[in-house]
């Protein structure tokens, strides 16, 4: 379930406020289901995988502005309440993405997915063991569900 809106909890990893290249949304329903994206088989990144919705920040955008733009572009939707930054993803020590949490749209909401993309509703437990969940997103969701504000992913051989 989404945490209460309001002031973000203290972030151990917020010593640096530099922007990451990416922002993503953890969209959760009151029933414990998450809305994730099934990426097209020919996508440049995470092809055929399940990921949180989001994308690359554009020059001059704040993290929140970029996230809201991505949600408009990818879902044709915006959350009623402002998303709250929840987990910072670091890959091999580098800050890669800020993940925000927000209340997901209702399951009967009219969403307008980008061509070639689709949304998938899945329980948190089901998603965390799904073989097509992106490894980076799995690390983030495991941190999020245990209340940690940082996810560290180390690539094999790094």
C-alpha atoms as a PDB file:
ATOM      1  CA  UNK A   1       0.000   0.000   0.000  1.00  0.00           C
ATOM      2  CA  UNK A   2       1.245   3.516  -0.710  1.00  0.00           C
ATOM      3  CA  UNK A   3       2.735   5.331   2.238  1.00  0.00           C
ATOM      4  CA  UNK A   4       1.043   8.476   3.533  1.00  0.00           C
ATOM      5  CA  UNK A   5       1.415  11.613   1.397  1.00  0.00           C
ATOM      6  CA  UNK A   6       3.289  14.463   2.954  1.00  0.00           C
ATOM      7  CA  UNK A   7       6.867  15.125   3.830  1.00  0.00           C
ATOM      8  CA  UNK A   8       9.310  12.532   2.556  1.00  0.00           C
ATOM      9  CA  UNK A   9      11.033  10.414   5.145  1.00  0.00           C
ATOM     10  CA  UNK A  10      14.704  11.097   5.759  1.00  0.00           C
ATOM     11  CA  UNK A  11      16.922   9.750   3.009  1.00  0.00           C
ATOM     12  CA  UNK A  12      20.272   8.265   3.928  1.00  0.00           C
ATOM     13  CA  UNK A  13      21.310   8.607   0.286  1.00  0.00           C
ATOM     14  CA  UNK A  14      20.308  12.239  -0.119  1.00  0.00           C
ATOM     15  CA  UNK A  15      23.700  13.687   0.701  1.00  0.00           C
ATOM     16  CA  UNK A  16      24.009  14.552  -2.979  1.00  0.00           C
ATOM     17  CA  UNK A  17      21.082  16.175  -4.746  1.00  0.00           C
ATOM     18  CA  UNK A  18      22.450  15.706  -8.258  1.00  0.00           C
ATOM     19  CA  UNK A  19      19.870  14.434 -10.691  1.00  0.00           C
ATOM     20  CA  UNK A  20      19.962  10.876 -11.967  1.00  0.00           C
ATOM     21  CA  UNK A  21      19.472  10.241 -15.691  1.00  0.00           C
ATOM     22  CA  UNK A  22      16.151   8.382 -15.121  1.00  0.00           C
ATOM     23  CA  UNK A  23      12.965   8.588 -13.047  1.00  0.00           C
ATOM     24  CA  UNK A  24      10.353   5.865 -12.565  1.00  0.00           C
ATOM     25  CA  UNK A  25       7.036   5.361 -10.764  1.00  0.00           C
ATOM     26  CA  UNK A  26       6.025   2.568  -8.403  1.00  0.00           C
ATOM     27  CA  UNK A  27       2.249   2.563  -8.973  1.00  0.00           C
ATOM     28  CA  UNK A  28       0.487   0.601  -6.247  1.00  0.00           C
ATOM     29  CA  UNK A  29      -3.180  -0.060  -5.553  1.00  0.00           C
ATOM     30  CA  UNK A  30      -4.855  -0.376  -2.147  1.00  0.00           C
ATOM     31  CA  UNK A  31      -5.168  -4.132  -2.820  1.00  0.00           C
ATOM     32  CA  UNK A  32      -1.385  -4.590  -3.038  1.00  0.00           C
ATOM     33  CA  UNK A  33      -1.255  -4.799  -6.825  1.00  0.00           C
ATOM     34  CA  UNK A  34       1.270  -2.900  -8.905  1.00  0.00           C
ATOM     35  CA  UNK A  35       0.796  -1.501 -12.390  1.00  0.00           C
ATOM     36  CA  UNK A  36       3.936  -2.149 -14.428  1.00  0.00           C
ATOM     37  CA  UNK A  37       4.909  -1.864 -18.060  1.00  0.00           C
ATOM     38  CA  UNK A  38       5.493  -4.836 -20.300  1.00  0.00           C
ATOM     39  CA  UNK A  39       8.239  -3.547 -22.575  1.00  0.00           C
ATOM     40  CA  UNK A  40       8.124  -4.377 -26.288  1.00  0.00           C
ATOM     41  CA  UNK A  41      10.375  -7.202 -27.477  1.00  0.00           C
ATOM     42  CA  UNK A  42      12.280  -4.713 -29.655  1.00  0.00           C
ATOM     43  CA  UNK A  43      12.745  -1.998 -27.000  1.00  0.00           C
ATOM     44  CA  UNK A  44      16.250  -0.489 -26.773  1.00  0.00           C
ATOM     45  CA  UNK A  45      16.395  -1.210 -23.036  1.00  0.00           C
ATOM     46  CA  UNK A  46      14.781  -3.957 -20.962  1.00  0.00           C
ATOM     47  CA  UNK A  47      13.307  -5.581 -24.088  1.00  0.00           C
ATOM     48  CA  UNK A  48      10.415  -7.903 -23.220  1.00  0.00           C
ATOM     49  CA  UNK A  49      10.791  -7.225 -19.507  1.00  0.00           C
ATOM     50  CA  UNK A  50       8.432  -5.907 -16.852  1.00  0.00           C
ATOM     51  CA  UNK A  51       9.454  -2.504 -15.482  1.00  0.00           C
ATOM     52  CA  UNK A  52       8.019   0.424 -13.612  1.00  0.00           C
ATOM     53  CA  UNK A  53       6.800   3.228 -15.873  1.00  0.00           C
ATOM     54  CA  UNK A  54       9.257   6.086 -16.367  1.00  0.00           C
ATOM     55  CA  UNK A  55      12.108   7.262 -18.511  1.00  0.00           C
ATOM     56  CA  UNK A  56      14.944   9.643 -19.117  1.00  0.00           C
ATOM     57  CA  UNK A  57      14.933  13.164 -17.733  1.00  0.00           C
ATOM     58  CA  UNK A  58      15.018  15.967 -20.284  1.00  0.00           C
ATOM     59  CA  UNK A  59      17.386  18.933 -19.854  1.00  0.00           C
ATOM     60  CA  UNK A  60      16.121  21.422 -17.265  1.00  0.00           C
ATOM     61  CA  UNK A  61      13.528  19.084 -15.735  1.00  0.00           C
ATOM     62  CA  UNK A  62      13.276  18.324 -12.055  1.00  0.00           C
ATOM     63  CA  UNK A  63      12.818  14.691 -11.106  1.00  0.00           C
ATOM     64  CA  UNK A  64       9.138  15.175 -10.327  1.00  0.00           C
ATOM     65  CA  UNK A  65       8.469  17.183 -13.505  1.00  0.00           C
ATOM     66  CA  UNK A  66      10.142  14.473 -15.594  1.00  0.00           C
ATOM     67  CA  UNK A  67       8.171  11.725 -13.877  1.00  0.00           C
ATOM     68  CA  UNK A  68       4.835  13.476 -14.431  1.00  0.00           C
ATOM     69  CA  UNK A  69       5.729  14.046 -18.108  1.00  0.00           C
ATOM     70  CA  UNK A  70       6.632  10.359 -18.502  1.00  0.00           C
ATOM     71  CA  UNK A  71       3.339   9.254 -16.918  1.00  0.00           C
ATOM     72  CA  UNK A  72       1.389  11.548 -19.274  1.00  0.00           C
ATOM     73  CA  UNK A  73       3.309  10.207 -22.284  1.00  0.00           C
ATOM     74  CA  UNK A  74       3.276   6.519 -21.337  1.00  0.00           C
ATOM     75  CA  UNK A  75      -0.153   6.212 -19.695  1.00  0.00           C
ATOM     76  CA  UNK A  76      -2.091   9.341 -20.633  1.00  0.00           C
ATOM     77  CA  UNK A  77      -2.608   9.746 -16.874  1.00  0.00           C
ATOM     78  CA  UNK A  78      -1.381  11.609 -13.818  1.00  0.00           C
ATOM     79  CA  UNK A  79      -1.814  10.726 -10.131  1.00  0.00           C
ATOM     80  CA  UNK A  80      -4.300  12.735  -8.074  1.00  0.00           C
ATOM     81  CA  UNK A  81      -1.700  13.257  -5.333  1.00  0.00           C
ATOM     82  CA  UNK A  82       1.940  14.175  -5.948  1.00  0.00           C
ATOM     83  CA  UNK A  83       4.236  11.143  -6.196  1.00  0.00           C
ATOM     84  CA  UNK A  84       6.820  10.904  -3.416  1.00  0.00           C
ATOM     85  CA  UNK A  85      10.434   9.951  -3.965  1.00  0.00           C
ATOM     86  CA  UNK A  86      10.877   6.533  -2.399  1.00  0.00           C
ATOM     87  CA  UNK A  87      14.014   4.706  -3.596  1.00  0.00           C
ATOM     88  CA  UNK A  88      17.261   5.792  -5.211  1.00  0.00           C
ATOM     89  CA  UNK A  89      18.733   3.162  -7.552  1.00  0.00           C
ATOM     90  CA  UNK A  90      22.514   2.873  -7.712  1.00  0.00           C
ATOM     91  CA  UNK A  91      24.100   0.542 -10.259  1.00  0.00           C
ATOM     92  CA  UNK A  92      27.760  -0.302  -9.669  1.00  0.00           C
ATOM     93  CA  UNK A  93      27.884   2.698  -7.322  1.00  0.00           C
ATOM     94  CA  UNK A  94      26.425   5.221  -9.800  1.00  0.00           C
ATOM     95  CA  UNK A  95      23.084   6.950  -9.201  1.00  0.00           C
ATOM     96  CA  UNK A  96      20.880   5.792 -12.093  1.00  0.00           C
ATOM     97  CA  UNK A  97      17.274   6.561 -11.143  1.00  0.00           C
ATOM     98  CA  UNK A  98      14.923   8.038  -8.601  1.00  0.00           C
ATOM     99  CA  UNK A  99      11.840   5.889  -8.060  1.00  0.00           C
ATOM    100  CA  UNK A 100       8.732   7.671  -6.852  1.00  0.00           C
ATOM    101  CA  UNK A 101       5.693   6.007  -5.342  1.00  0.00           C
ATOM    102  CA  UNK A 102       2.119   6.971  -6.153  1.00  0.00           C
ATOM    103  CA  UNK A 103      -1.380   5.598  -5.919  1.00  0.00           C
ATOM    104  CA  UNK A 104      -2.046   3.696  -9.137  1.00  0.00           C
ATOM    105  CA  UNK A 105      -4.973   4.540 -11.380  1.00  0.00           C
ATOM    106  CA  UNK A 106      -8.083   2.480 -10.765  1.00  0.00           C
ATOM    107  CA  UNK A 107      -8.197  -0.812 -12.653  1.00  0.00           C
ATOM    108  CA  UNK A 108     -11.055   0.550 -14.778  1.00  0.00           C
ATOM    109  CA  UNK A 109      -9.346   3.875 -15.592  1.00  0.00           C
ATOM    110  CA  UNK A 110      -9.093   4.673 -19.300  1.00  0.00           C
ATOM    111  CA  UNK A 111      -5.344   4.648 -19.903  1.00  0.00           C
ATOM    112  CA  UNK A 112      -3.701   5.562 -23.190  1.00  0.00           C
ATOM    113  CA  UNK A 113      -0.512   3.508 -23.462  1.00  0.00           C
ATOM    114  CA  UNK A 114       2.166   4.443 -25.952  1.00  0.00           C
ATOM    115  CA  UNK A 115       2.011   2.340 -29.135  1.00  0.00           C
ATOM    116  CA  UNK A 116       3.599  -1.084 -28.662  1.00  0.00           C
ATOM    117  CA  UNK A 117       3.446  -0.915 -24.868  1.00  0.00           C
ATOM    118  CA  UNK A 118       0.972  -2.232 -22.367  1.00  0.00           C
ATOM    119  CA  UNK A 119       0.298  -2.163 -18.670  1.00  0.00           C
ATOM    120  CA  UNK A 120       0.101  -5.266 -16.510  1.00  0.00           C
ATOM    121  CA  UNK A 121      -1.506  -5.510 -13.059  1.00  0.00           C
ATOM    122  CA  UNK A 122       0.260  -7.950 -10.775  1.00  0.00           C
ATOM    123  CA  UNK A 123       0.330  -8.592  -7.049  1.00  0.00           C
ATOM    124  CA  UNK A 124       3.506  -7.442  -5.357  1.00  0.00           C
ATOM    125  CA  UNK A 125       4.346 -11.042  -4.344  1.00  0.00           C
ATOM    126  CA  UNK A 126       3.733 -12.349  -7.869  1.00  0.00           C
ATOM    127  CA  UNK A 127       5.768  -9.582  -9.495  1.00  0.00           C
ATOM    128  CA  UNK A 128       8.793  -9.971  -7.238  1.00  0.00           C
ATOM    129  CA  UNK A 129       9.291 -13.584  -8.369  1.00  0.00           C
ATOM    130  CA  UNK A 130       8.297 -13.072 -12.011  1.00  0.00           C
ATOM    131  CA  UNK A 131      11.140 -14.179 -14.327  1.00  0.00           C
ATOM    132  CA  UNK A 132      10.646 -11.220 -16.687  1.00  0.00           C
ATOM    133  CA  UNK A 133      10.881  -8.518 -14.006  1.00  0.00           C
ATOM    134  CA  UNK A 134      13.916  -6.363 -14.778  1.00  0.00           C
ATOM    135  CA  UNK A 135      16.736  -7.066 -12.295  1.00  0.00           C
ATOM    136  CA  UNK A 136      17.155  -3.360 -11.547  1.00  0.00           C
ATOM    137  CA  UNK A 137      13.444  -2.975 -10.864  1.00  0.00           C
ATOM    138  CA  UNK A 138      13.418  -6.112  -8.710  1.00  0.00           C
ATOM    139  CA  UNK A 139      16.195  -4.570  -6.560  1.00  0.00           C
ATOM    140  CA  UNK A 140      14.194  -1.344  -6.230  1.00  0.00           C
ATOM    141  CA  UNK A 141      10.910  -3.083  -5.376  1.00  0.00           C
ATOM    142  CA  UNK A 142      12.622  -5.242  -2.757  1.00  0.00           C
ATOM    143  CA  UNK A 143      14.042  -2.085  -1.139  1.00  0.00           C
ATOM    144  CA  UNK A 144      10.687  -0.304  -1.374  1.00  0.00           C
ATOM    145  CA  UNK A 145       8.696  -3.116   0.224  1.00  0.00           C
ATOM    146  CA  UNK A 146      11.127  -3.270   3.160  1.00  0.00           C
ATOM    147  CA  UNK A 147      11.143   0.512   3.668  1.00  0.00           C
ATOM    148  CA  UNK A 148      14.686   1.127   2.436  1.00  0.00           C
ATOM    149  CA  UNK A 149      15.300   4.296   0.420  1.00  0.00           C
ATOM    150  CA  UNK A 150      18.264   2.968  -1.549  1.00  0.00           C
ATOM    151  CA  UNK A 151      18.734  -0.008  -3.852  1.00  0.00           C
ATOM    152  CA  UNK A 152      22.204  -1.082  -4.882  1.00  0.00           C
ATOM    153  CA  UNK A 153      22.619  -3.301  -7.925  1.00  0.00           C
ATOM    154  CA  UNK A 154      25.987  -4.759  -8.874  1.00  0.00           C
ATOM    155  CA  UNK A 155      26.339  -6.072 -12.405  1.00  0.00           C
ATOM    156  CA  UNK A 156      27.828  -9.510 -12.805  1.00  0.00           C
ATOM    157  CA  UNK A 157      31.580  -9.300 -13.172  1.00  0.00           C
ATOM    158  CA  UNK A 158      31.750  -5.697 -11.959  1.00  0.00           C
END
